[in-house]
Every structure is written in structure tokens, then in C-alpha cells.
Amino acid sequence: MNRVYWLVVQMNSRPVVCMLSGGGLGLVLGTVVQWPWLDWLVPVCLFMMLFPAMMQMDPAALKRITDKPLPFLAALLTNMVLAPLIIWGLTSLAPSHVDTAVLQGLTLFGLIPCGSMIPAFTIMSRGNVTLVTAIMAASMLLGVVAVPMWSGLILGSDVGAPMILLKQMLVVIVVPFVLAQVLKRYLAKLRKERAEAIRTGISLMPGIGLFWIGFIMFLRNGNMVIQAPELLLWVGAPAITHLMLLLGLALGMSWLLRLSREDNVAYMFACTTRNIAASMALAAATFGELTTLIVVMTGPFVQMPFVITQLNVQKRRADKAKEALDAEPEIQTAP
């Protein structure tokens, strides 16, 4: 039991290694089996990553967002206006022989912000969970109007975004939030030691979910690159360019707004991750198999490495900040 606990702690303290281990195992095993039934476990893994974030939601922090709304508003501006403009510009530069399905998939990838896993990444980086959750919720709500509008402008065809985004918001935000509030009231009635033990167990859930998400994504989609490696070139270059431009934009805005480290973590993850699950659903419902394939490829082979790198950087910053904070009493008491 102690070894299992140690392993789970390591999965949470080393999220990059955790995700790479799961993804690597899934990629290797995916050459032998496909196991489509694993897709049913994805919502469970997402819940494991989201629920601890909802447990850490602080009502007082929502008041601070309304008192200092610039980071929140800047993130919405980036997600609803600037990100679509960037992907529009990138797809318009594509050579004429590029398949329309590639452009459709890339556009959907760029239009829908805030991947479902960003609250977990924010927790692992000791960022502002309340801010990132508020940005994610507002982006999904505004996306109900913005995504069809931008899709019509860029692709010339509307997509059925409203119900898909509202359903996802219900699953990834509303349900975990309500369950977290119920559990908090229950824990308040327990003995302190028992309640703390339960909270500790919940805090370790993201690492487990992260490992299995990486495993399932690469096992289910790894063969796509083997079967059509040329598609990865046409998809990967503009998709990673899109993410890098968003990263540069977010860094500049963060510097201008003089964000704290915690708010910076939330802002960066909220602005530079894409909602692959919603993009896949829209592609399958509106355009067809090849467009869906393009969107699917951006998940494990573009966004996942990008997020892993960013998570590693933010985690190191958080560790350095904690070391500096822990060293302060020693400095003050030194003769």
C-alpha cells in the first residue's frame, strides 16, 4: 500500500513524466490493439482531473476576479477574437492544393479554447484555479455564439456549436462543481483527521487521470500517424505555429498586466490550450471523417507536447517560488 501511495504521489509531483509514461505505453500498445471501449473511460479520467480543482474553488477568489477583472477580460479577448483571427490568417496562407478537410480541421482546432484538463494543469503548477475555471466557463458560454460566427466567416458554413458546448460545460464544470460543494458540506461534519485524509486522496486524483488520458489518447490515435505521416506535416506546422503565436501574445499581455505568478499560470493555460474534445464533436457532426481525423491528430501530436512543455516550465517556476517562500523565515532570523 505504501508503494502504491508513493507511486501516485510521484505521478502528481512529476506530471510531465506521468503523461509521457502513459502516452509512450499507449503508443507502443496501440500498434497491437485498439480497445475502442477505452473511449468510455475518458469522461472518468477528465472527472479525476477536474474534481480536485472544483474542491479548491474559493468563493472569495471570485470576488477578487470582479474587483480586478483585467486578466479575465484579457483571456476572453484572446480566446474569442484574437485566436480565431490568428487561425484565419494561418489557413489563408495554405497552398491551394491543401485538402479542404485539413483547413476545416485546423480552423476548428483554433476556434475552440480552453481544454478540459487546464484546471488540473493549473493545480499542478500551483496557479489560480478559480480564475482558470471562470475563464473556461465564460469561454464555453461565449463560444455558443462566437464559434458559429467565426466558422461562417472563415469556412463559409455554420457548425452546431451551441448544444455541444453547453453539454460539455455541464459535464466538465457544472456537475463536478455541484458534487464538490456537496462533498465539502459532508467533510465539514467529519472529524478533522478523517476529512483531511479524504482531501489528500482527492488531491492525488489528477496524476492518475493524467496518466490514463495520455495512455488512451496515444493508444487510440497513435496509428494515424503511422498510416498517414504526411498529414501530420500539413497539420502540425500551422497548429504549432498557432499555439506559439498565442503563447507569445499571452506572455506579452501577462507582462503588460503585471500578473502575479498564480494568475499568470491560469491565464497562460486558458489562452494557449484548445478544446480538442469539442472540436472533434463539431467536426464529426458537421464535416466528416477526414476533418475529424485532422482534429484528432492535433490532440496527442501537437497540443499534448506543447502542454507538456508549458506544464514543465510552470511547475519549475512554482517549485522555485515555493523554495524562495520557504527560505524567507531563515533569512529573517539570520543574525
Protein backbone atom coordinates (compact mmCIF):
# COMPACT_ATOMS: atom_id res chain seq x y z
CA MET A 1 0.00 0.00 0.00
CA ASN A 2 2.85 2.40 0.82
CA ARG A 3 4.42 1.72 -2.58
CA VAL A 4 1.14 2.47 -4.37
CA TYR A 5 0.78 5.72 -2.42
CA TRP A 6 4.39 6.66 -3.23
CA LEU A 7 3.77 5.98 -6.94
CA VAL A 8 0.61 8.12 -7.00
CA VAL A 9 2.44 10.96 -5.23
CA GLN A 10 5.21 10.76 -7.82
CA MET A 11 2.63 10.87 -10.64
CA ASN A 12 1.33 14.16 -9.26
CA SER A 13 4.70 15.71 -8.42
CA ARG A 14 6.14 14.79 -11.86
CA PRO A 15 3.22 15.34 -14.24
CA VAL A 16 5.42 15.53 -17.34
CA VAL A 17 6.96 12.12 -16.65
CA CYS A 18 3.49 10.83 -15.79
CA MET A 19 1.97 11.95 -19.10
CA LEU A 20 4.94 10.79 -21.16
CA SER A 21 4.85 7.38 -19.49
CA GLY A 22 1.15 6.94 -20.19
CA GLY A 23 1.47 8.22 -23.75
CA GLY A 24 4.53 6.09 -24.50
CA LEU A 25 2.88 2.95 -23.19
CA GLY A 26 -0.27 3.71 -25.17
CA LEU A 27 1.70 4.36 -28.38
CA VAL A 28 3.53 1.04 -28.13
CA LEU A 29 0.45 -0.97 -27.19
CA GLY A 30 -1.58 0.79 -29.88
CA THR A 31 0.41 -0.99 -32.59
CA VAL A 32 -1.07 -4.29 -31.36
CA VAL A 33 -4.56 -3.47 -30.03
CA GLN A 34 -7.09 -0.63 -30.32
CA TRP A 35 -9.56 -1.29 -27.49
CA PRO A 36 -12.35 1.13 -28.52
CA TRP A 37 -14.08 0.53 -25.18
CA LEU A 38 -11.39 2.71 -23.57
CA ASP A 39 -13.14 5.78 -25.00
CA TRP A 40 -15.79 5.31 -22.33
CA LEU A 41 -13.14 5.87 -19.65
CA VAL A 42 -12.19 9.34 -20.94
CA PRO A 43 -15.00 11.14 -19.02
CA VAL A 44 -13.89 9.30 -15.85
CA CYS A 45 -10.29 10.45 -16.36
CA LEU A 46 -11.42 14.03 -17.01
CA PHE A 47 -13.53 13.95 -13.86
CA MET A 48 -10.50 12.79 -11.86
CA MET A 49 -8.57 15.79 -13.19
CA LEU A 50 -11.38 18.33 -12.78
CA PHE A 51 -12.94 17.40 -9.44
CA PRO A 52 -9.93 18.38 -7.26
CA ALA A 53 -9.95 21.80 -8.96
CA MET A 54 -13.60 22.26 -8.02
CA MET A 55 -12.76 21.31 -4.43
CA GLN A 56 -10.23 24.16 -4.41
CA MET A 57 -12.64 26.74 -5.84
CA ASP A 58 -12.67 29.70 -3.46
CA PRO A 59 -15.80 31.92 -3.43
CA ALA A 60 -13.67 34.77 -2.10
CA ALA A 61 -11.45 34.46 -5.19
CA LEU A 62 -14.47 35.09 -7.42
CA LYS A 63 -14.86 38.43 -5.65
CA ARG A 64 -11.22 39.22 -6.45
CA ILE A 65 -11.89 38.48 -10.13
CA THR A 66 -14.71 41.04 -10.18
CA ASP A 67 -12.54 43.57 -8.32
CA LYS A 68 -9.63 43.08 -10.76
CA PRO A 69 -11.24 41.80 -13.97
CA LEU A 70 -8.46 42.62 -16.46
CA PRO A 71 -6.86 39.12 -16.56
CA PHE A 72 -10.31 37.55 -17.01
CA LEU A 73 -11.33 40.01 -19.75
CA ALA A 74 -7.96 39.78 -21.50
CA ALA A 75 -8.30 35.98 -21.65
CA LEU A 76 -11.78 36.25 -23.16
CA LEU A 77 -10.50 38.76 -25.74
CA THR A 78 -7.71 36.35 -26.68
CA ASN A 79 -9.99 33.31 -26.88
CA MET A 80 -12.97 34.89 -28.63
CA VAL A 81 -11.28 37.37 -31.02
CA LEU A 82 -7.50 37.08 -31.36
CA ALA A 83 -7.18 33.27 -31.55
CA PRO A 84 -9.78 33.00 -34.37
CA LEU A 85 -8.07 35.82 -36.27
CA ILE A 86 -4.71 34.04 -35.99
CA ILE A 87 -6.04 30.70 -37.27
CA TRP A 88 -7.89 32.54 -40.05
CA GLY A 89 -4.63 34.15 -41.14
CA LEU A 90 -2.70 30.88 -41.00
CA THR A 91 -5.25 28.88 -43.01
CA SER A 92 -5.47 31.64 -45.63
CA LEU A 93 -1.72 31.20 -46.24
CA ALA A 94 -2.10 27.49 -47.06
CA PRO A 95 -1.17 26.40 -50.62
CA SER A 96 -4.10 25.87 -52.97
CA HIS A 97 -3.51 22.09 -53.20
CA VAL A 98 -4.06 21.51 -49.47
CA ASP A 99 -7.23 19.49 -48.91
CA THR A 100 -10.23 21.47 -47.68
CA ALA A 101 -10.69 18.97 -44.84
CA VAL A 102 -7.25 19.94 -43.47
CA LEU A 103 -8.25 23.61 -43.38
CA GLN A 104 -11.58 22.75 -41.77
CA GLY A 105 -9.88 20.68 -39.07
CA LEU A 106 -7.28 23.35 -38.35
CA THR A 107 -9.95 26.04 -38.15
CA LEU A 108 -11.99 24.08 -35.61
CA PHE A 109 -8.80 23.41 -33.65
CA GLY A 110 -8.09 27.14 -33.46
CA LEU A 111 -11.63 28.32 -32.76
CA ILE A 112 -12.50 26.49 -29.55
CA PRO A 113 -10.38 27.40 -26.49
CA CYS A 114 -9.87 26.00 -23.00
CA GLY A 115 -9.17 22.27 -22.99
CA SER A 116 -10.93 20.32 -20.26
CA MET A 117 -7.67 19.46 -18.48
CA ILE A 118 -6.47 23.02 -17.75
CA PRO A 119 -7.80 23.12 -14.15
CA ALA A 120 -5.66 20.06 -13.37
CA PHE A 121 -2.60 21.63 -15.03
CA THR A 122 -3.25 24.79 -13.02
CA ILE A 123 -3.38 22.83 -9.76
CA MET A 124 -0.13 21.02 -10.59
CA SER A 125 1.50 24.39 -11.28
CA ARG A 126 0.02 25.96 -8.10
CA GLY A 127 -1.89 28.55 -10.11
CA ASN A 128 -5.18 30.37 -9.60
CA VAL A 129 -7.75 27.57 -10.05
CA THR A 130 -10.73 29.88 -9.56
CA LEU A 131 -9.57 32.24 -12.31
CA VAL A 132 -8.89 29.48 -14.86
CA THR A 133 -12.25 27.83 -14.14
CA ALA A 134 -14.07 31.15 -14.54
CA ILE A 135 -12.30 31.77 -17.87
CA MET A 136 -13.13 28.25 -19.05
CA ALA A 137 -16.82 28.60 -18.14
CA ALA A 138 -17.15 32.05 -19.75
CA SER A 139 -15.31 30.93 -22.90
CA MET A 140 -17.69 27.99 -23.34
CA LEU A 141 -20.72 30.23 -22.89
CA LEU A 142 -19.46 32.88 -25.31
CA GLY A 143 -18.36 30.14 -27.71
CA VAL A 144 -22.02 29.23 -28.23
CA VAL A 145 -22.27 32.44 -30.27
CA ALA A 146 -18.65 33.06 -31.30
CA VAL A 147 -17.81 29.64 -32.77
CA PRO A 148 -20.69 29.55 -35.32
CA MET A 149 -19.98 33.19 -36.23
CA TRP A 150 -16.27 32.62 -36.88
CA SER A 151 -16.95 29.30 -38.63
CA GLY A 152 -19.30 31.06 -41.02
CA LEU A 153 -16.74 33.80 -41.71
CA ILE A 154 -13.75 31.50 -42.19
CA LEU A 155 -15.25 28.32 -43.63
CA GLY A 156 -18.46 29.65 -45.11
CA SER A 157 -20.52 27.09 -43.17
CA ASP A 158 -22.13 27.14 -39.75
CA VAL A 159 -21.41 24.47 -37.12
CA GLY A 160 -23.79 23.16 -34.49
CA ALA A 161 -21.78 24.55 -31.59
CA PRO A 162 -24.42 25.61 -29.05
CA MET A 163 -25.65 22.23 -27.80
CA ILE A 164 -22.20 20.60 -27.95
CA LEU A 165 -20.53 23.37 -25.93
CA LEU A 166 -23.38 23.63 -23.44
CA LYS A 167 -23.35 19.86 -22.92
CA GLN A 168 -19.59 19.89 -22.37
CA MET A 169 -19.90 22.78 -19.93
CA LEU A 170 -22.46 20.77 -17.98
CA VAL A 171 -20.18 17.71 -17.85
CA VAL A 172 -16.82 19.37 -17.14
CA ILE A 173 -17.86 22.32 -14.95
CA VAL A 174 -21.38 22.23 -13.55
CA VAL A 175 -21.55 18.58 -12.41
CA PRO A 176 -18.07 18.50 -10.78
CA PHE A 177 -18.73 21.86 -9.11
CA VAL A 178 -22.07 20.75 -7.61
CA LEU A 179 -20.61 17.44 -6.40
CA ALA A 180 -17.66 19.31 -4.86
CA GLN A 181 -19.98 21.60 -2.89
CA VAL A 182 -21.93 18.58 -1.60
CA LEU A 183 -18.72 16.82 -0.56
CA LYS A 184 -17.40 19.96 1.17
CA ARG A 185 -20.52 20.11 3.34
CA TYR A 186 -20.16 16.42 4.18
CA LEU A 187 -16.46 16.82 5.08
CA ALA A 188 -17.32 19.71 7.39
CA LYS A 189 -19.27 17.26 9.55
CA LEU A 190 -16.43 14.73 9.86
CA ARG A 191 -13.56 14.62 12.30
CA LYS A 192 -10.66 16.79 11.15
CA GLU A 193 -8.28 13.84 10.63
CA ARG A 194 -10.81 11.88 8.58
CA ALA A 195 -11.74 14.89 6.45
CA GLU A 196 -8.08 15.70 5.80
CA ALA A 197 -7.38 12.12 4.71
CA ILE A 198 -10.22 12.30 2.17
CA ARG A 199 -9.00 15.68 0.89
CA THR A 200 -5.49 14.26 0.48
CA GLY A 201 -6.83 11.35 -1.54
CA ILE A 202 -8.82 13.68 -3.79
CA SER A 203 -5.77 15.91 -4.32
CA LEU A 204 -3.91 12.91 -5.80
CA MET A 205 -6.57 12.16 -8.43
CA PRO A 206 -5.18 14.43 -11.23
CA GLY A 207 -1.98 12.41 -11.63
CA ILE A 208 -3.90 9.17 -12.12
CA GLY A 209 -6.27 10.82 -14.61
CA LEU A 210 -3.36 12.42 -16.48
CA PHE A 211 -1.58 9.07 -16.92
CA TRP A 212 -4.68 7.33 -18.29
CA ILE A 213 -5.65 10.23 -20.56
CA GLY A 214 -2.18 10.08 -22.15
CA PHE A 215 -2.40 6.30 -22.42
CA ILE A 216 -5.85 6.31 -24.06
CA MET A 217 -5.13 9.17 -26.48
CA PHE A 218 -1.96 7.60 -27.86
CA LEU A 219 -3.28 4.04 -27.89
CA ARG A 220 -6.41 5.06 -29.81
CA ASN A 221 -4.80 7.59 -32.19
CA GLY A 222 -1.13 6.63 -32.50
CA ASN A 223 -1.61 4.53 -35.63
CA MET A 224 -2.99 7.52 -37.52
CA VAL A 225 0.48 9.00 -37.92
CA ILE A 226 1.91 5.64 -38.99
CA GLN A 227 -0.79 5.27 -41.64
CA ALA A 228 -0.74 8.89 -42.89
CA PRO A 229 2.52 10.59 -41.83
CA GLU A 230 2.19 13.33 -44.48
CA LEU A 231 -0.96 14.60 -42.79
CA LEU A 232 0.99 15.31 -39.62
CA LEU A 233 3.22 17.73 -41.57
CA TRP A 234 0.29 19.66 -43.03
CA VAL A 235 -1.47 19.71 -39.67
CA GLY A 236 1.46 20.04 -37.27
CA ALA A 237 3.22 23.07 -38.74
CA PRO A 238 0.26 25.51 -38.75
CA ALA A 239 -1.18 24.10 -35.49
CA ILE A 240 2.06 24.54 -33.53
CA THR A 241 2.53 27.98 -35.14
CA HIS A 242 -0.94 28.91 -33.90
CA LEU A 243 -0.10 27.78 -30.36
CA MET A 244 3.27 29.55 -30.37
CA LEU A 245 1.68 32.82 -31.52
CA LEU A 246 -0.90 32.52 -28.75
CA LEU A 247 1.91 31.84 -26.28
CA GLY A 248 3.78 34.96 -27.37
CA LEU A 249 0.60 37.01 -27.20
CA ALA A 250 -0.23 35.67 -23.73
CA LEU A 251 3.30 36.37 -22.47
CA GLY A 252 3.06 39.94 -23.71
CA MET A 253 -0.36 40.51 -22.16
CA SER A 254 0.76 38.93 -18.89
CA TRP A 255 3.74 41.30 -18.75
CA LEU A 256 1.59 44.34 -19.56
CA LEU A 257 -0.96 43.44 -16.89
CA ARG A 258 1.78 42.68 -14.31
CA LEU A 259 0.05 39.44 -13.34
CA SER A 260 1.06 37.52 -10.23
CA ARG A 261 2.63 34.12 -10.79
CA GLU A 262 -0.62 32.36 -9.82
CA ASP A 263 -2.74 34.46 -12.18
CA ASN A 264 -0.14 34.10 -14.92
CA VAL A 265 -0.38 30.30 -14.73
CA ALA A 266 -4.17 30.41 -15.09
CA TYR A 267 -4.03 32.99 -17.89
CA MET A 268 -1.39 31.11 -19.90
CA PHE A 269 -3.15 27.74 -19.75
CA ALA A 270 -6.56 29.29 -20.52
CA CYS A 271 -5.28 31.13 -23.60
CA THR A 272 -2.91 28.58 -25.12
CA THR A 273 -4.84 25.30 -24.92
CA ARG A 274 -7.52 24.21 -27.38
CA ASN A 275 -10.65 22.19 -26.66
CA ILE A 276 -9.93 19.07 -28.72
CA ALA A 277 -12.99 17.14 -27.49
CA ALA A 278 -15.45 19.86 -28.57
CA SER A 279 -13.61 20.35 -31.89
CA MET A 280 -13.83 16.62 -32.62
CA ALA A 281 -17.56 16.57 -31.87
CA LEU A 282 -18.20 19.55 -34.14
CA ALA A 283 -16.05 18.08 -36.94
CA ALA A 284 -17.87 14.74 -36.80
CA ALA A 285 -21.30 16.39 -36.73
CA THR A 286 -20.65 18.93 -39.49
CA PHE A 287 -17.86 17.98 -41.90
CA GLY A 288 -16.98 14.30 -41.95
CA GLU A 289 -14.35 11.66 -41.27
CA LEU A 290 -11.21 13.32 -42.69
CA THR A 291 -11.86 16.63 -40.92
CA THR A 292 -12.42 14.72 -37.68
CA LEU A 293 -9.16 12.84 -38.25
CA ILE A 294 -7.31 16.16 -38.63
CA VAL A 295 -8.69 17.44 -35.33
CA VAL A 296 -7.89 14.15 -33.58
CA MET A 297 -4.27 14.34 -34.74
CA THR A 298 -3.80 17.79 -33.20
CA GLY A 299 -4.50 16.37 -29.72
CA PRO A 300 -1.73 13.86 -28.96
CA PHE A 301 0.78 15.05 -31.58
CA VAL A 302 0.55 18.85 -31.35
CA GLN A 303 -1.23 20.08 -28.25
CA MET A 304 -0.04 17.37 -25.87
CA PRO A 305 3.73 18.02 -26.40
CA PHE A 306 3.08 21.77 -26.26
CA VAL A 307 1.16 21.50 -22.99
CA ILE A 308 3.73 19.12 -21.50
CA THR A 309 6.49 21.64 -22.20
CA GLN A 310 4.47 24.52 -20.75
CA LEU A 311 3.50 22.45 -17.71
CA ASN A 312 7.15 21.62 -17.09
CA VAL A 313 8.11 25.32 -17.21
CA GLN A 314 5.26 26.40 -14.94
CA LYS A 315 5.95 23.57 -12.50
CA ARG A 316 9.60 24.62 -12.19
CA ARG A 317 8.57 28.24 -11.61
CA ALA A 318 6.16 27.10 -8.90
CA ASP A 319 8.85 24.99 -7.22
CA LYS A 320 11.30 27.91 -7.24
CA ALA A 321 8.66 30.23 -5.82
CA LYS A 322 7.92 27.74 -3.03
CA GLU A 323 11.63 27.33 -2.24
CA ALA A 324 12.01 31.11 -2.03
CA LEU A 325 8.96 31.37 0.24
CA ASP A 326 10.21 28.56 2.50
CA ALA A 327 13.60 30.27 2.77
CA GLU A 328 12.17 33.61 3.92
CA PRO A 329 11.91 32.77 7.66
CA GLU A 330 15.53 31.58 7.65
CA ILE A 331 16.62 34.88 6.08
CA GLN A 332 14.66 36.92 8.60
CA THR A 333 16.06 35.07 11.64
CA ALA A 334 19.63 35.06 10.41
CA PRO A 335 21.97 37.21 12.61
